[in-house]
Amino acid sequence: MLFRLLAWQGSTVEIVAGLVLGAGVQLWAFVAGRGSGQPVATSVFRRTALLMAIGGIVLLTPVSSIIRWFHRDDTALAEKMVYQHEHPDDPAAAQAVRQHLQAKPEQL
């Protein structure tokens, strides 16, 4: 989920892998806790369900929306970053983001 929030390439694959592993843990916790009612299996089931729900929400949120939300104070930077994310092989897009960040005054 952190990769997605940082708008890194490959974040979708990471979230899907996490959701698949979470489903495996869910299945194990369901089977282990079903007959015996063990509190450990029940708490693992609940925590994994919560993490999978958050992961699903992050997966369904477009990266462009996340970028625009994080950089809502500088819309020009946000649009340049969205363009860079949508065109990762374009060196001019990366250069435009770097130039914008260098021209921006330091914030303390």
PDB file of N, CA and C in Angstrom:
ATOM      1  N   MET A   1       0.826  -1.194   0.000  1.00  0.00           N
ATOM      2  CA  MET A   1       0.000   0.000   0.000  1.00  0.00           C
ATOM      3  C   MET A   1       0.867   1.254   0.000  1.00  0.00           C
ATOM      4  N   LEU A   2       2.026   1.168   0.636  1.00  0.00           N
ATOM      5  CA  LEU A   2       2.914   2.319   0.671  1.00  0.00           C
ATOM      6  C   LEU A   2       3.420   2.659  -0.728  1.00  0.00           C
ATOM      7  N   PHE A   3       3.741   1.635  -1.528  1.00  0.00           N
ATOM      8  CA  PHE A   3       4.177   1.892  -2.904  1.00  0.00           C
ATOM      9  C   PHE A   3       3.114   2.658  -3.669  1.00  0.00           C
ATOM     10  N   ARG A   4       1.869   2.317  -3.475  1.00  0.00           N
ATOM     11  CA  ARG A   4       0.777   2.982  -4.184  1.00  0.00           C
ATOM     12  C   ARG A   4       0.637   4.432  -3.712  1.00  0.00           C
ATOM     13  N   LEU A   5       0.743   4.642  -2.415  1.00  0.00           N
ATOM     14  CA  LEU A   5       0.633   6.002  -1.885  1.00  0.00           C
ATOM     15  C   LEU A   5       1.803   6.879  -2.313  1.00  0.00           C
ATOM     16  N   LEU A   6       2.958   6.269  -2.579  1.00  0.00           N
ATOM     17  CA  LEU A   6       4.105   7.018  -3.070  1.00  0.00           C
ATOM     18  C   LEU A   6       4.122   7.096  -4.595  1.00  0.00           C
ATOM     19  N   ALA A   7       3.131   6.503  -5.248  1.00  0.00           N
ATOM     20  CA  ALA A   7       2.978   6.520  -6.706  1.00  0.00           C
ATOM     21  C   ALA A   7       4.164   5.863  -7.405  1.00  0.00           C
ATOM     22  N   TRP A   8       4.673   4.779  -6.851  1.00  0.00           N
ATOM     23  CA  TRP A   8       5.782   4.070  -7.469  1.00  0.00           C
ATOM     24  C   TRP A   8       5.248   3.107  -8.517  1.00  0.00           C
ATOM     25  N   GLN A   9       6.060   2.857  -9.535  1.00  0.00           N
ATOM     26  CA  GLN A   9       5.692   1.891 -10.562  1.00  0.00           C
ATOM     27  C   GLN A   9       5.665   0.487  -9.947  1.00  0.00           C
ATOM     28  N   GLY A  10       4.744  -0.339 -10.376  1.00  0.00           N
ATOM     29  CA  GLY A  10       4.648  -1.706  -9.872  1.00  0.00           C
ATOM     30  C   GLY A  10       3.832  -1.846  -8.603  1.00  0.00           C
ATOM     31  N   SER A  11       3.215  -0.784  -8.158  1.00  0.00           N
ATOM     32  CA  SER A  11       2.460  -0.848  -6.908  1.00  0.00           C
ATOM     33  C   SER A  11       1.226  -1.734  -7.031  1.00  0.00           C
ATOM     34  N   THR A  12       0.631  -1.778  -8.205  1.00  0.00           N
ATOM     35  CA  THR A  12      -0.557  -2.608  -8.392  1.00  0.00           C
ATOM     36  C   THR A  12      -0.224  -4.084  -8.199  1.00  0.00           C
ATOM     37  N   VAL A  13       0.915  -4.516  -8.730  1.00  0.00           N
ATOM     38  CA  VAL A  13       1.333  -5.913  -8.581  1.00  0.00           C
ATOM     39  C   VAL A  13       1.557  -6.238  -7.110  1.00  0.00           C
ATOM     40  N   GLU A  14       2.176  -5.316  -6.389  1.00  0.00           N
ATOM     41  CA  GLU A  14       2.441  -5.538  -4.974  1.00  0.00           C
ATOM     42  C   GLU A  14       1.140  -5.655  -4.169  1.00  0.00           C
ATOM     43  N   ILE A  15       0.177  -4.802  -4.453  1.00  0.00           N
ATOM     44  CA  ILE A  15      -1.087  -4.854  -3.717  1.00  0.00           C
ATOM     45  C   ILE A  15      -1.838  -6.143  -4.027  1.00  0.00           C
ATOM     46  N   VAL A  16      -1.867  -6.530  -5.297  1.00  0.00           N
ATOM     47  CA  VAL A  16      -2.558  -7.771  -5.665  1.00  0.00           C
ATOM     48  C   VAL A  16      -1.889  -8.968  -4.996  1.00  0.00           C
ATOM     49  N   ALA A  17      -0.555  -8.999  -4.973  1.00  0.00           N
ATOM     50  CA  ALA A  17       0.156 -10.087  -4.289  1.00  0.00           C
ATOM     51  C   ALA A  17      -0.189 -10.103  -2.796  1.00  0.00           C
ATOM     52  N   GLY A  18      -0.255  -8.925  -2.195  1.00  0.00           N
ATOM     53  CA  GLY A  18      -0.626  -8.841  -0.782  1.00  0.00           C
ATOM     54  C   GLY A  18      -2.041  -9.313  -0.524  1.00  0.00           C
ATOM     55  N   LEU A  19      -2.955  -8.978  -1.434  1.00  0.00           N
ATOM     56  CA  LEU A  19      -4.342  -9.424  -1.273  1.00  0.00           C
ATOM     57  C   LEU A  19      -4.463 -10.942  -1.431  1.00  0.00           C
ATOM     58  N   VAL A  20      -3.690 -11.512  -2.344  1.00  0.00           N
ATOM     59  CA  VAL A  20      -3.711 -12.978  -2.512  1.00  0.00           C
ATOM     60  C   VAL A  20      -3.147 -13.667  -1.273  1.00  0.00           C
ATOM     61  N   LEU A  21      -2.022 -13.150  -0.758  1.00  0.00           N
ATOM     62  CA  LEU A  21      -1.467 -13.719   0.467  1.00  0.00           C
ATOM     63  C   LEU A  21      -2.418 -13.526   1.646  1.00  0.00           C
ATOM     64  N   GLY A  22      -3.056 -12.376   1.704  1.00  0.00           N
ATOM     65  CA  GLY A  22      -4.036 -12.128   2.761  1.00  0.00           C
ATOM     66  C   GLY A  22      -5.207 -13.096   2.683  1.00  0.00           C
ATOM     67  N   ALA A  23      -5.632 -13.421   1.469  1.00  0.00           N
ATOM     68  CA  ALA A  23      -6.717 -14.399   1.313  1.00  0.00           C
ATOM     69  C   ALA A  23      -6.282 -15.772   1.815  1.00  0.00           C
ATOM     70  N   GLY A  24      -5.012 -16.123   1.587  1.00  0.00           N
ATOM     71  CA  GLY A  24      -4.499 -17.394   2.117  1.00  0.00           C
ATOM     72  C   GLY A  24      -4.485 -17.409   3.633  1.00  0.00           C
ATOM     73  N   VAL A  25      -4.073 -16.309   4.232  1.00  0.00           N
ATOM     74  CA  VAL A  25      -4.074 -16.205   5.695  1.00  0.00           C
ATOM     75  C   VAL A  25      -5.502 -16.242   6.222  1.00  0.00           C
ATOM     76  N   GLN A  26      -6.416 -15.591   5.507  1.00  0.00           N
ATOM     77  CA  GLN A  26      -7.828 -15.612   5.896  1.00  0.00           C
ATOM     78  C   GLN A  26      -8.358 -17.049   5.904  1.00  0.00           C
ATOM     79  N   LEU A  27      -8.034 -17.785   4.853  1.00  0.00           N
ATOM     80  CA  LEU A  27      -8.495 -19.171   4.762  1.00  0.00           C
ATOM     81  C   LEU A  27      -7.933 -19.993   5.906  1.00  0.00           C
ATOM     82  N   TRP A  28      -6.632 -19.833   6.178  1.00  0.00           N
ATOM     83  CA  TRP A  28      -6.026 -20.572   7.286  1.00  0.00           C
ATOM     84  C   TRP A  28      -6.685 -20.204   8.607  1.00  0.00           C
ATOM     85  N   ALA A  29      -6.877 -18.923   8.865  1.00  0.00           N
ATOM     86  CA  ALA A  29      -7.464 -18.484  10.132  1.00  0.00           C
ATOM     87  C   ALA A  29      -8.900 -18.963  10.266  1.00  0.00           C
ATOM     88  N   PHE A  30      -9.628 -18.985   9.156  1.00  0.00           N
ATOM     89  CA  PHE A  30     -11.011 -19.463   9.197  1.00  0.00           C
ATOM     90  C   PHE A  30     -11.061 -20.942   9.546  1.00  0.00           C
ATOM     91  N   VAL A  31     -10.196 -21.723   8.892  1.00  0.00           N
ATOM     92  CA  VAL A  31     -10.190 -23.168   9.134  1.00  0.00           C
ATOM     93  C   VAL A  31      -9.672 -23.464  10.540  1.00  0.00           C
ATOM     94  N   ALA A  32      -8.625 -22.791  10.980  1.00  0.00           N
ATOM     95  CA  ALA A  32      -8.044 -23.046  12.299  1.00  0.00           C
ATOM     96  C   ALA A  32      -8.972 -22.602  13.428  1.00  0.00           C
ATOM     97  N   GLY A  33      -9.660 -21.509  13.238  1.00  0.00           N
ATOM     98  CA  GLY A  33     -10.496 -20.985  14.309  1.00  0.00           C
ATOM     99  C   GLY A  33     -11.922 -21.496  14.293  1.00  0.00           C
ATOM    100  N   ARG A  34     -12.320 -22.175  13.223  1.00  0.00           N
ATOM    101  CA  ARG A  34     -13.704 -22.616  13.081  1.00  0.00           C
ATOM    102  C   ARG A  34     -14.099 -23.653  14.127  1.00  0.00           C
ATOM    103  N   GLY A  35     -13.277 -24.654  14.281  1.00  0.00           N
ATOM    104  CA  GLY A  35     -13.645 -25.731  15.192  1.00  0.00           C
ATOM    105  C   GLY A  35     -13.326 -25.436  16.640  1.00  0.00           C
ATOM    106  N   SER A  36     -12.204 -24.817  16.891  1.00  0.00           N
ATOM    107  CA  SER A  36     -11.765 -24.658  18.275  1.00  0.00           C
ATOM    108  C   SER A  36     -12.117 -23.298  18.870  1.00  0.00           C
ATOM    109  N   GLY A  37     -12.399 -22.316  18.054  1.00  0.00           N
ATOM    110  CA  GLY A  37     -12.707 -20.979  18.559  1.00  0.00           C
ATOM    111  C   GLY A  37     -11.516 -20.315  19.207  1.00  0.00           C
ATOM    112  N   GLN A  38     -10.326 -20.611  18.686  1.00  0.00           N
ATOM    113  CA  GLN A  38      -9.106 -20.034  19.256  1.00  0.00           C
ATOM    114  C   GLN A  38      -9.099 -18.524  19.063  1.00  0.00           C
ATOM    115  N   PRO A  39      -8.797 -17.774  20.117  1.00  0.00           N
ATOM    116  CA  PRO A  39      -8.780 -16.319  19.982  1.00  0.00           C
ATOM    117  C   PRO A  39      -7.673 -15.818  19.060  1.00  0.00           C
ATOM    118  N   VAL A  40      -6.550 -16.546  18.967  1.00  0.00           N
ATOM    119  CA  VAL A  40      -5.458 -16.119  18.099  1.00  0.00           C
ATOM    120  C   VAL A  40      -5.906 -16.158  16.646  1.00  0.00           C
ATOM    121  N   ALA A  41      -6.523 -17.254  16.229  1.00  0.00           N
ATOM    122  CA  ALA A  41      -6.982 -17.378  14.851  1.00  0.00           C
ATOM    123  C   ALA A  41      -8.054 -16.333  14.544  1.00  0.00           C
ATOM    124  N   THR A  42      -8.924 -16.058  15.512  1.00  0.00           N
ATOM    125  CA  THR A  42      -9.976 -15.066  15.308  1.00  0.00           C
ATOM    126  C   THR A  42      -9.387 -13.675  15.155  1.00  0.00           C
ATOM    127  N   SER A  43      -8.396 -13.320  15.971  1.00  0.00           N
ATOM    128  CA  SER A  43      -7.799 -11.993  15.867  1.00  0.00           C
ATOM    129  C   SER A  43      -6.996 -11.852  14.578  1.00  0.00           C
ATOM    130  N   VAL A  44      -6.327 -12.927  14.154  1.00  0.00           N
ATOM    131  CA  VAL A  44      -5.609 -12.899  12.875  1.00  0.00           C
ATOM    132  C   VAL A  44      -6.603 -12.707  11.742  1.00  0.00           C
ATOM    133  N   PHE A  45      -7.734 -13.374  11.805  1.00  0.00           N
ATOM    134  CA  PHE A  45      -8.769 -13.250  10.786  1.00  0.00           C
ATOM    135  C   PHE A  45      -9.265 -11.804  10.695  1.00  0.00           C
ATOM    136  N   ARG A  46      -9.516 -11.192  11.849  1.00  0.00           N
ATOM    137  CA  ARG A  46     -10.024  -9.814  11.859  1.00  0.00           C
ATOM    138  C   ARG A  46      -8.987  -8.819  11.338  1.00  0.00           C
ATOM    139  N   ARG A  47      -7.744  -8.951  11.799  1.00  0.00           N
ATOM    140  CA  ARG A  47      -6.692  -8.025  11.349  1.00  0.00           C
ATOM    141  C   ARG A  47      -6.429  -8.156   9.858  1.00  0.00           C
ATOM    142  N   THR A  48      -6.393  -9.388   9.378  1.00  0.00           N
ATOM    143  CA  THR A  48      -6.159  -9.601   7.961  1.00  0.00           C
ATOM    144  C   THR A  48      -7.319  -9.053   7.137  1.00  0.00           C
ATOM    145  N   ALA A  49      -8.528  -9.217   7.620  1.00  0.00           N
ATOM    146  CA  ALA A  49      -9.690  -8.673   6.910  1.00  0.00           C
ATOM    147  C   ALA A  49      -9.610  -7.153   6.836  1.00  0.00           C
ATOM    148  N   LEU A  50      -9.189  -6.509   7.918  1.00  0.00           N
ATOM    149  CA  LEU A  50      -9.046  -5.057   7.921  1.00  0.00           C
ATOM    150  C   LEU A  50      -7.974  -4.600   6.933  1.00  0.00           C
ATOM    151  N   LEU A  51      -6.822  -5.263   6.952  1.00  0.00           N
ATOM    152  CA  LEU A  51      -5.746  -4.908   6.026  1.00  0.00           C
ATOM    153  C   LEU A  51      -6.151  -5.151   4.575  1.00  0.00           C
ATOM    154  N   MET A  52      -6.886  -6.221   4.319  1.00  0.00           N
ATOM    155  CA  MET A  52      -7.339  -6.494   2.953  1.00  0.00           C
ATOM    156  C   MET A  52      -8.351  -5.452   2.501  1.00  0.00           C
ATOM    157  N   ALA A  53      -9.193  -4.986   3.395  1.00  0.00           N
ATOM    158  CA  ALA A  53     -10.161  -3.941   3.042  1.00  0.00           C
ATOM    159  C   ALA A  53      -9.443  -2.642   2.698  1.00  0.00           C
ATOM    160  N   ILE A  54      -8.461  -2.266   3.507  1.00  0.00           N
ATOM    161  CA  ILE A  54      -7.689  -1.053   3.220  1.00  0.00           C
ATOM    162  C   ILE A  54      -6.926  -1.219   1.908  1.00  0.00           C
ATOM    163  N   GLY A  55      -6.330  -2.384   1.699  1.00  0.00           N
ATOM    164  CA  GLY A  55      -5.616  -2.655   0.450  1.00  0.00           C
ATOM    165  C   GLY A  55      -6.527  -2.574  -0.755  1.00  0.00           C
ATOM    166  N   GLY A  56      -7.741  -3.080  -0.634  1.00  0.00           N
ATOM    167  CA  GLY A  56      -8.699  -2.994  -1.732  1.00  0.00           C
ATOM    168  C   GLY A  56      -9.089  -1.564  -2.054  1.00  0.00           C
ATOM    169  N   ILE A  57      -9.262  -0.766  -1.025  1.00  0.00           N
ATOM    170  CA  ILE A  57      -9.603   0.648  -1.240  1.00  0.00           C
ATOM    171  C   ILE A  57      -8.454   1.371  -1.933  1.00  0.00           C
ATOM    172  N   VAL A  58      -7.224   1.123  -1.473  1.00  0.00           N
ATOM    173  CA  VAL A  58      -6.063   1.765  -2.087  1.00  0.00           C
ATOM    174  C   VAL A  58      -5.886   1.286  -3.524  1.00  0.00           C
ATOM    175  N   LEU A  59      -6.146   0.013  -3.774  1.00  0.00           N
ATOM    176  CA  LEU A  59      -6.031  -0.530  -5.133  1.00  0.00           C
ATOM    177  C   LEU A  59      -7.025   0.120  -6.083  1.00  0.00           C
ATOM    178  N   LEU A  60      -8.223   0.389  -5.600  1.00  0.00           N
ATOM    179  CA  LEU A  60      -9.259   0.970  -6.448  1.00  0.00           C
ATOM    180  C   LEU A  60      -9.121   2.484  -6.624  1.00  0.00           C
ATOM    181  N   THR A  61      -8.284   3.124  -5.813  1.00  0.00           N
ATOM    182  CA  THR A  61      -8.074   4.563  -5.932  1.00  0.00           C
ATOM    183  C   THR A  61      -7.036   4.829  -7.019  1.00  0.00           C
ATOM    184  N   PRO A  62      -7.357   5.628  -8.025  1.00  0.00           N
ATOM    185  CA  PRO A  62      -6.380   5.905  -9.087  1.00  0.00           C
ATOM    186  C   PRO A  62      -5.164   6.670  -8.552  1.00  0.00           C
ATOM    187  N   VAL A  63      -4.008   6.367  -9.111  1.00  0.00           N
ATOM    188  CA  VAL A  63      -2.774   7.024  -8.685  1.00  0.00           C
ATOM    189  C   VAL A  63      -2.859   8.525  -8.933  1.00  0.00           C
ATOM    190  N   SER A  64      -3.498   8.926 -10.015  1.00  0.00           N
ATOM    191  CA  SER A  64      -3.611  10.357 -10.300  1.00  0.00           C
ATOM    192  C   SER A  64      -4.384  11.081  -9.194  1.00  0.00           C
ATOM    193  N   SER A  65      -5.389  10.449  -8.634  1.00  0.00           N
ATOM    194  CA  SER A  65      -6.136  11.058  -7.529  1.00  0.00           C
ATOM    195  C   SER A  65      -5.276  11.175  -6.278  1.00  0.00           C
ATOM    196  N   ILE A  66      -4.459  10.162  -6.023  1.00  0.00           N
ATOM    197  CA  ILE A  66      -3.572  10.192  -4.856  1.00  0.00           C
ATOM    198  C   ILE A  66      -2.552  11.317  -5.001  1.00  0.00           C
ATOM    199  N   ILE A  67      -1.965  11.445  -6.193  1.00  0.00           N
ATOM    200  CA  ILE A  67      -0.975  12.506  -6.426  1.00  0.00           C
ATOM    201  C   ILE A  67      -1.623  13.872  -6.256  1.00  0.00           C
ATOM    202  N   ARG A  68      -2.797  14.050  -6.856  1.00  0.00           N
ATOM    203  CA  ARG A  68      -3.473  15.346  -6.754  1.00  0.00           C
ATOM    204  C   ARG A  68      -3.849  15.669  -5.310  1.00  0.00           C
ATOM    205  N   TRP A  69      -4.190  14.660  -4.530  1.00  0.00           N
ATOM    206  CA  TRP A  69      -4.561  14.896  -3.139  1.00  0.00           C
ATOM    207  C   TRP A  69      -3.342  15.286  -2.309  1.00  0.00           C
ATOM    208  N   PHE A  70      -2.228  14.569  -2.493  1.00  0.00           N
ATOM    209  CA  PHE A  70      -1.025  14.872  -1.725  1.00  0.00           C
ATOM    210  C   PHE A  70      -0.433  16.227  -2.088  1.00  0.00           C
ATOM    211  N   HIS A  71      -0.588  16.655  -3.328  1.00  0.00           N
ATOM    212  CA  HIS A  71      -0.004  17.916  -3.784  1.00  0.00           C
ATOM    213  C   HIS A  71      -1.093  18.933  -4.118  1.00  0.00           C
ATOM    214  N   ARG A  72      -2.125  18.963  -3.322  1.00  0.00           N
ATOM    215  CA  ARG A  72      -3.242  19.869  -3.585  1.00  0.00           C
ATOM    216  C   ARG A  72      -2.866  21.338  -3.396  1.00  0.00           C
ATOM    217  N   ASP A  73      -1.760  21.610  -2.697  1.00  0.00           N
ATOM    218  CA  ASP A  73      -1.326  22.990  -2.515  1.00  0.00           C
ATOM    219  C   ASP A  73      -0.553  23.521  -3.729  1.00  0.00           C
ATOM    220  N   ASP A  74      -0.091  22.637  -4.608  1.00  0.00           N
ATOM    221  CA  ASP A  74       0.650  23.033  -5.808  1.00  0.00           C
ATOM    222  C   ASP A  74       0.109  22.233  -6.990  1.00  0.00           C
ATOM    223  N   THR A  75      -0.933  22.754  -7.602  1.00  0.00           N
ATOM    224  CA  THR A  75      -1.605  22.007  -8.670  1.00  0.00           C
ATOM    225  C   THR A  75      -0.730  21.853  -9.911  1.00  0.00           C
ATOM    226  N   ALA A  76       0.153  22.808 -10.174  1.00  0.00           N
ATOM    227  CA  ALA A  76       1.047  22.687 -11.342  1.00  0.00           C
ATOM    228  C   ALA A  76       1.984  21.488 -11.157  1.00  0.00           C
ATOM    229  N   LEU A  77       2.529  21.336  -9.960  1.00  0.00           N
ATOM    230  CA  LEU A  77       3.386  20.186  -9.671  1.00  0.00           C
ATOM    231  C   LEU A  77       2.594  18.888  -9.774  1.00  0.00           C
ATOM    232  N   ALA A  78       1.389  18.894  -9.257  1.00  0.00           N
ATOM    233  CA  ALA A  78       0.558  17.686  -9.306  1.00  0.00           C
ATOM    234  C   ALA A  78       0.314  17.248 -10.741  1.00  0.00           C
ATOM    235  N   GLU A  79      -0.009  18.181 -11.610  1.00  0.00           N
ATOM    236  CA  GLU A  79      -0.276  17.818 -13.008  1.00  0.00           C
ATOM    237  C   GLU A  79       0.991  17.314 -13.697  1.00  0.00           C
ATOM    238  N   LYS A  80       2.139  17.902 -13.377  1.00  0.00           N
ATOM    239  CA  LYS A  80       3.398  17.425 -13.957  1.00  0.00           C
ATOM    240  C   LYS A  80       3.729  16.025 -13.446  1.00  0.00           C
ATOM    241  N   MET A  81       3.447  15.765 -12.175  1.00  0.00           N
ATOM    242  CA  MET A  81       3.717  14.437 -11.622  1.00  0.00           C
ATOM    243  C   MET A  81       2.771  13.389 -12.193  1.00  0.00           C
ATOM    244  N   VAL A  82       1.507  13.770 -12.415  1.00  0.00           N
ATOM    245  CA  VAL A  82       0.556  12.833 -13.031  1.00  0.00           C
ATOM    246  C   VAL A  82       1.024  12.494 -14.441  1.00  0.00           C
ATOM    247  N   TYR A  83       1.432  13.512 -15.194  1.00  0.00           N
ATOM    248  CA  TYR A  83       1.920  13.270 -16.550  1.00  0.00           C
ATOM    249  C   TYR A  83       3.156  12.376 -16.520  1.00  0.00           C
ATOM    250  N   GLN A  84       4.055  12.626 -15.570  1.00  0.00           N
ATOM    251  CA  GLN A  84       5.249  11.795 -15.452  1.00  0.00           C
ATOM    252  C   GLN A  84       4.878  10.356 -15.117  1.00  0.00           C
ATOM    253  N   HIS A  85       3.903  10.160 -14.248  1.00  0.00           N
ATOM    254  CA  HIS A  85       3.491   8.805 -13.880  1.00  0.00           C
ATOM    255  C   HIS A  85       2.847   8.085 -15.054  1.00  0.00           C
ATOM    256  N   GLU A  86       2.086   8.812 -15.861  1.00  0.00           N
ATOM    257  CA  GLU A  86       1.417   8.194 -17.006  1.00  0.00           C
ATOM    258  C   GLU A  86       2.374   7.952 -18.169  1.00  0.00           C
ATOM    259  N   HIS A  87       3.507   8.662 -18.216  1.00  0.00           N
ATOM    260  CA  HIS A  87       4.506   8.520 -19.280  1.00  0.00           C
ATOM    261  C   HIS A  87       5.884   8.300 -18.644  1.00  0.00           C
ATOM    262  N   PRO A  88       6.131   7.122 -18.072  1.00  0.00           N
ATOM    263  CA  PRO A  88       7.379   6.903 -17.332  1.00  0.00           C
ATOM    264  C   PRO A  88       8.636   6.916 -18.202  1.00  0.00           C
ATOM    265  N   ASP A  89       8.499   6.703 -19.520  1.00  0.00           N
ATOM    266  CA  ASP A  89       9.672   6.667 -20.396  1.00  0.00           C
ATOM    267  C   ASP A  89       9.998   8.025 -21.006  1.00  0.00           C
ATOM    268  N   ASP A  90       9.266   9.053 -20.646  1.00  0.00           N
ATOM    269  CA  ASP A  90       9.477  10.382 -21.207  1.00  0.00           C
ATOM    270  C   ASP A  90      10.446  11.169 -20.310  1.00  0.00           C
ATOM    271  N   PRO A  91      11.698  11.373 -20.753  1.00  0.00           N
ATOM    272  CA  PRO A  91      12.647  12.098 -19.898  1.00  0.00           C
ATOM    273  C   PRO A  91      12.268  13.571 -19.722  1.00  0.00           C
ATOM    274  N   ALA A  92      11.536  14.137 -20.661  1.00  0.00           N
ATOM    275  CA  ALA A  92      11.123  15.538 -20.522  1.00  0.00           C
ATOM    276  C   ALA A  92      10.139  15.709 -19.369  1.00  0.00           C
ATOM    277  N   ALA A  93       9.312  14.705 -19.141  1.00  0.00           N
ATOM    278  CA  ALA A  93       8.354  14.784 -18.034  1.00  0.00           C
ATOM    279  C   ALA A  93       9.088  14.776 -16.695  1.00  0.00           C
ATOM    280  N   ALA A  94      10.074  13.900 -16.561  1.00  0.00           N
ATOM    281  CA  ALA A  94      10.857  13.849 -15.326  1.00  0.00           C
ATOM    282  C   ALA A  94      11.644  15.144 -15.138  1.00  0.00           C
ATOM    283  N   GLN A  95      12.166  15.679 -16.209  1.00  0.00           N
ATOM    284  CA  GLN A  95      12.919  16.932 -16.132  1.00  0.00           C
ATOM    285  C   GLN A  95      12.011  18.085 -15.710  1.00  0.00           C
ATOM    286  N   ALA A  96      10.785  18.108 -16.208  1.00  0.00           N
ATOM    287  CA  ALA A  96       9.844  19.172 -15.835  1.00  0.00           C
ATOM    288  C   ALA A  96       9.533  19.132 -14.344  1.00  0.00           C
ATOM    289  N   VAL A  97       9.381  17.937 -13.790  1.00  0.00           N
ATOM    290  CA  VAL A  97       9.120  17.807 -12.350  1.00  0.00           C
ATOM    291  C   VAL A  97      10.346  18.277 -11.562  1.00  0.00           C
ATOM    292  N   ARG A  98      11.549  17.856 -11.980  1.00  0.00           N
ATOM    293  CA  ARG A  98      12.766  18.283 -11.281  1.00  0.00           C
ATOM    294  C   ARG A  98      12.930  19.804 -11.314  1.00  0.00           C
ATOM    295  N   GLN A  99      12.698  20.399 -12.474  1.00  0.00           N
ATOM    296  CA  GLN A  99      12.832  21.851 -12.590  1.00  0.00           C
ATOM    297  C   GLN A  99      11.825  22.572 -11.711  1.00  0.00           C
ATOM    298  N   HIS A 100      10.609  22.057 -11.668  1.00  0.00           N
ATOM    299  CA  HIS A 100       9.581  22.693 -10.836  1.00  0.00           C
ATOM    300  C   HIS A 100       9.978  22.609  -9.358  1.00  0.00           C
ATOM    301  N   LEU A 101      10.489  21.470  -8.939  1.00  0.00           N
ATOM    302  CA  LEU A 101      10.888  21.307  -7.534  1.00  0.00           C
ATOM    303  C   LEU A 101      12.097  22.169  -7.185  1.00  0.00           C
ATOM    304  N   GLN A 102      13.016  22.342  -8.132  1.00  0.00           N
ATOM    305  CA  GLN A 102      14.195  23.165  -7.868  1.00  0.00           C
ATOM    306  C   GLN A 102      13.812  24.637  -7.797  1.00  0.00           C
ATOM    307  N   ALA A 103      12.843  25.053  -8.589  1.00  0.00           N
ATOM    308  CA  ALA A 103      12.428  26.458  -8.602  1.00  0.00           C
ATOM    309  C   ALA A 103      11.552  26.807  -7.397  1.00  0.00           C
ATOM    310  N   LYS A 104      10.987  25.795  -6.767  1.00  0.00           N
ATOM    311  CA  LYS A 104      10.110  26.000  -5.619  1.00  0.00           C
ATOM    312  C   LYS A 104      10.944  26.357  -4.382  1.00  0.00           C
ATOM    313  N   PRO A 105      10.559  27.388  -3.642  1.00  0.00           N
ATOM    314  CA  PRO A 105      11.324  27.746  -2.444  1.00  0.00           C
ATOM    315  C   PRO A 105      11.233  26.637  -1.382  1.00  0.00           C
ATOM    316  N   GLU A 106      12.272  26.536  -0.594  1.00  0.00           N
ATOM    317  CA  GLU A 106      12.295  25.534   0.478  1.00  0.00           C
ATOM    318  C   GLU A 106      11.220  25.831   1.509  1.00  0.00           C
ATOM    319  N   GLN A 107      10.554  24.775   1.966  1.00  0.00           N
ATOM    320  CA  GLN A 107       9.545  24.924   3.009  1.00  0.00           C
ATOM    321  C   GLN A 107      10.073  24.265   4.278  1.00  0.00           C
ATOM    322  N   LEU A 108       9.949  24.958   5.365  1.00  0.00           N
ATOM    323  CA  LEU A 108      10.420  24.416   6.647  1.00  0.00           C
ATOM    324  C   LEU A 108       9.309  23.822   7.426  1.00  0.00           C
TER     325      LEU A 108
END
